[in-house]
Each structure stands twice: as structure tokens, then as C-alpha cells.
Amino acid sequence: ASKLERLHSKLLRIQFTNRVAAFTHAVIVVTLGALVYFEAGFKQGWSLMSIDVTPLSMLTHDVAFGYFLYDFAFMATFEPNWLYYCHHVGSLGTIATTRLLSTTQWLTVNAILFGELTNPLQLPWE
């Protein structure tokens, strides 16, 4: 195989690995988000408009934040795209703000949960 074919093969493997990481992250975050809902429902009597900050909601934020950092670094290295840079910087800022201020995490848990649920809709467009 030529040098160009080997490089192309390597890039495809890297891209596949990134997609596996994205899928794994999505499954974990959706599961954590659902657990946050159930935890809040049982503790707060299903009045979910303001979920209290719990170790589980903080873990959900931390996992999402870590993935956004990973994906941002991946894109900066292999797939430069300014639209995704802006998306990731905005997401990182939102997650970091609510996590560091320990404010109600209802909106960001919703954004993370439903954002990850809609990821399969992006596949046909890529």
C-alpha cells in the first residue's frame, strides 16, 4: 500500500475511534441524565423544575465537560471546524459555570440529556 493509502487508513481508524468515544459518551450521559431525573423525582416528589445539586448531577456535568474537552482537542487536531469550536466553547462555558457556582443544574442537565439524545439525527448530515 502506498504512503497515501496508509495515511488515509490511519485517519479512518482515528475517526472511527472518535465516533466510538462519542457514542459511549452519549450512552453514559443519557443514562446519568435519566438517573438524575429519577433521583430528583423520588427525593423531591417529581417537582422537577429545580433539581437540587447532587453528587449525581455533578458527575453528569463532569463527564460531559471531560468529553467536550476531549472532542475539542480532537477537532483541533484532526477536523478543524469553527462552528463546532464555538459550540464546544459555549457548552464548556455553560457546564463550567453551573458546576463551579453549584447553582441549580436543571437547565444544563436538560441540555446535556436532550442534546445527546439528538446526536443520531446528525449522522445523516455528516
Protein backbone atom coordinates (compact mmCIF):
# COMPACT_ATOMS: atom_id res chain seq x y z
CA ALA A 1 0.00 0.00 0.00
CA SER A 2 1.20 3.47 -0.78
CA LYS A 3 2.04 6.04 1.84
CA LEU A 4 -1.15 7.96 0.98
CA GLU A 5 -3.30 4.85 1.42
CA ARG A 6 -1.71 4.10 4.79
CA LEU A 7 -2.33 7.67 5.93
CA HIS A 8 -5.94 7.50 4.78
CA SER A 9 -6.41 4.18 6.59
CA LYS A 10 -4.91 5.65 9.77
CA LEU A 11 -7.22 8.69 9.60
CA LEU A 12 -10.24 6.43 9.14
CA ARG A 13 -9.25 4.42 12.23
CA ILE A 14 -8.81 7.61 14.25
CA GLN A 15 -12.19 8.91 13.09
CA PHE A 16 -13.83 5.56 13.92
CA THR A 17 -12.28 5.63 17.40
CA ASN A 18 -13.62 9.14 17.91
CA ARG A 19 -17.11 8.03 16.89
CA VAL A 20 -16.96 5.12 19.34
CA ALA A 21 -15.92 7.55 22.09
CA ALA A 22 -18.80 9.89 21.15
CA PHE A 23 -21.31 7.03 21.19
CA THR A 24 -20.02 5.73 24.52
CA HIS A 25 -20.17 9.22 26.00
CA ALA A 26 -23.72 9.72 24.73
CA VAL A 27 -24.92 6.45 26.28
CA ILE A 28 -23.26 7.27 29.61
CA VAL A 29 -24.59 10.85 29.73
CA VAL A 30 -28.13 9.87 28.72
CA THR A 31 -28.09 7.20 31.43
CA LEU A 32 -26.75 9.64 34.02
CA GLY A 33 -29.28 12.29 32.96
CA ALA A 34 -32.14 9.81 33.35
CA LEU A 35 -30.81 8.82 36.77
CA VAL A 36 -30.69 12.49 37.78
CA TYR A 37 -34.38 12.78 36.82
CA PHE A 38 -35.33 9.68 38.79
CA GLU A 39 -33.23 10.69 41.79
CA ALA A 40 -34.85 14.14 41.82
CA GLY A 41 -38.30 12.64 41.31
CA PHE A 42 -38.03 10.34 44.28
CA LYS A 43 -36.38 12.91 46.54
CA GLN A 44 -38.44 15.97 45.51
CA GLY A 45 -41.79 14.38 44.74
CA TRP A 46 -41.46 14.80 40.95
CA SER A 47 -41.38 18.59 41.14
CA LEU A 48 -38.57 18.70 38.62
CA MET A 49 -38.47 22.40 37.82
CA SER A 50 -35.48 22.88 40.09
CA ILE A 51 -33.31 19.85 40.60
CA ASP A 52 -31.08 20.21 43.63
CA VAL A 53 -27.35 19.90 43.13
CA THR A 54 -26.40 16.31 43.95
CA PRO A 55 -23.27 14.23 43.52
CA LEU A 56 -25.00 12.51 40.58
CA SER A 57 -25.83 15.77 38.81
CA MET A 58 -22.27 16.98 39.38
CA LEU A 59 -20.93 13.69 37.95
CA THR A 60 -23.14 14.17 34.88
CA HIS A 61 -21.66 17.64 34.39
CA ASP A 62 -18.11 16.41 34.92
CA VAL A 63 -18.46 13.59 32.39
CA ALA A 64 -19.96 15.97 29.82
CA PHE A 65 -17.26 18.58 30.47
CA GLY A 66 -14.50 15.98 30.08
CA TYR A 67 -15.93 14.77 26.80
CA PHE A 68 -16.27 18.31 25.43
CA LEU A 69 -12.59 18.91 26.26
CA TYR A 70 -11.60 15.65 24.54
CA ASP A 71 -13.72 16.36 21.47
CA PHE A 72 -12.46 19.93 21.25
CA ALA A 73 -8.85 18.68 21.28
CA PHE A 74 -9.70 16.01 18.71
CA MET A 75 -11.28 18.55 16.37
CA ALA A 76 -8.41 20.98 16.80
CA THR A 77 -6.04 18.21 15.76
CA PHE A 78 -7.94 16.32 13.06
CA GLU A 79 -11.14 18.10 11.98
CA PRO A 80 -10.90 21.91 12.26
CA ASN A 81 -14.38 23.44 12.14
CA TRP A 82 -15.13 26.89 13.60
CA LEU A 83 -18.82 26.17 14.06
CA TYR A 84 -18.02 23.19 16.28
CA TYR A 85 -15.35 25.19 18.11
CA CYS A 86 -17.95 27.79 19.02
CA HIS A 87 -20.42 25.07 20.04
CA HIS A 88 -17.85 23.41 22.28
CA VAL A 89 -16.63 26.65 23.87
CA GLY A 90 -20.24 27.64 24.64
CA SER A 91 -21.01 24.22 26.09
CA LEU A 92 -17.83 24.16 28.15
CA GLY A 93 -18.59 27.64 29.50
CA THR A 94 -22.16 26.72 30.43
CA ILE A 95 -21.20 23.48 32.14
CA ALA A 96 -18.24 25.05 33.95
CA THR A 97 -20.32 27.99 35.19
CA THR A 98 -23.12 25.89 36.66
CA ARG A 99 -20.67 23.36 38.06
CA LEU A 100 -18.36 25.89 39.69
CA LEU A 101 -21.16 28.06 41.08
CA SER A 102 -23.07 24.98 42.31
CA THR A 103 -26.29 26.58 41.14
CA THR A 104 -29.34 24.67 40.10
CA GLN A 105 -28.31 22.34 37.34
CA TRP A 106 -31.75 21.74 35.85
CA LEU A 107 -31.18 23.54 32.56
CA THR A 108 -27.75 22.12 31.87
CA VAL A 109 -28.82 18.56 32.74
CA ASN A 110 -31.71 19.05 30.28
CA ALA A 111 -29.41 20.47 27.62
CA ILE A 112 -26.89 17.65 28.04
CA LEU A 113 -29.52 14.91 28.14
CA PHE A 114 -31.60 16.06 25.19
CA GLY A 115 -28.56 17.22 23.22
CA GLU A 116 -27.12 13.73 23.42
CA LEU A 117 -30.46 12.14 22.55
CA THR A 118 -30.49 14.12 19.30
CA ASN A 119 -26.95 13.10 18.26
CA PRO A 120 -28.21 10.29 15.98
CA LEU A 121 -30.02 12.95 13.94
CA GLN A 122 -26.63 14.40 12.96
CA LEU A 123 -25.32 11.21 11.36
CA PRO A 124 -27.16 11.54 8.02
CA TRP A 125 -25.76 15.06 7.61
CA GLU A 126 -22.10 14.15 8.07
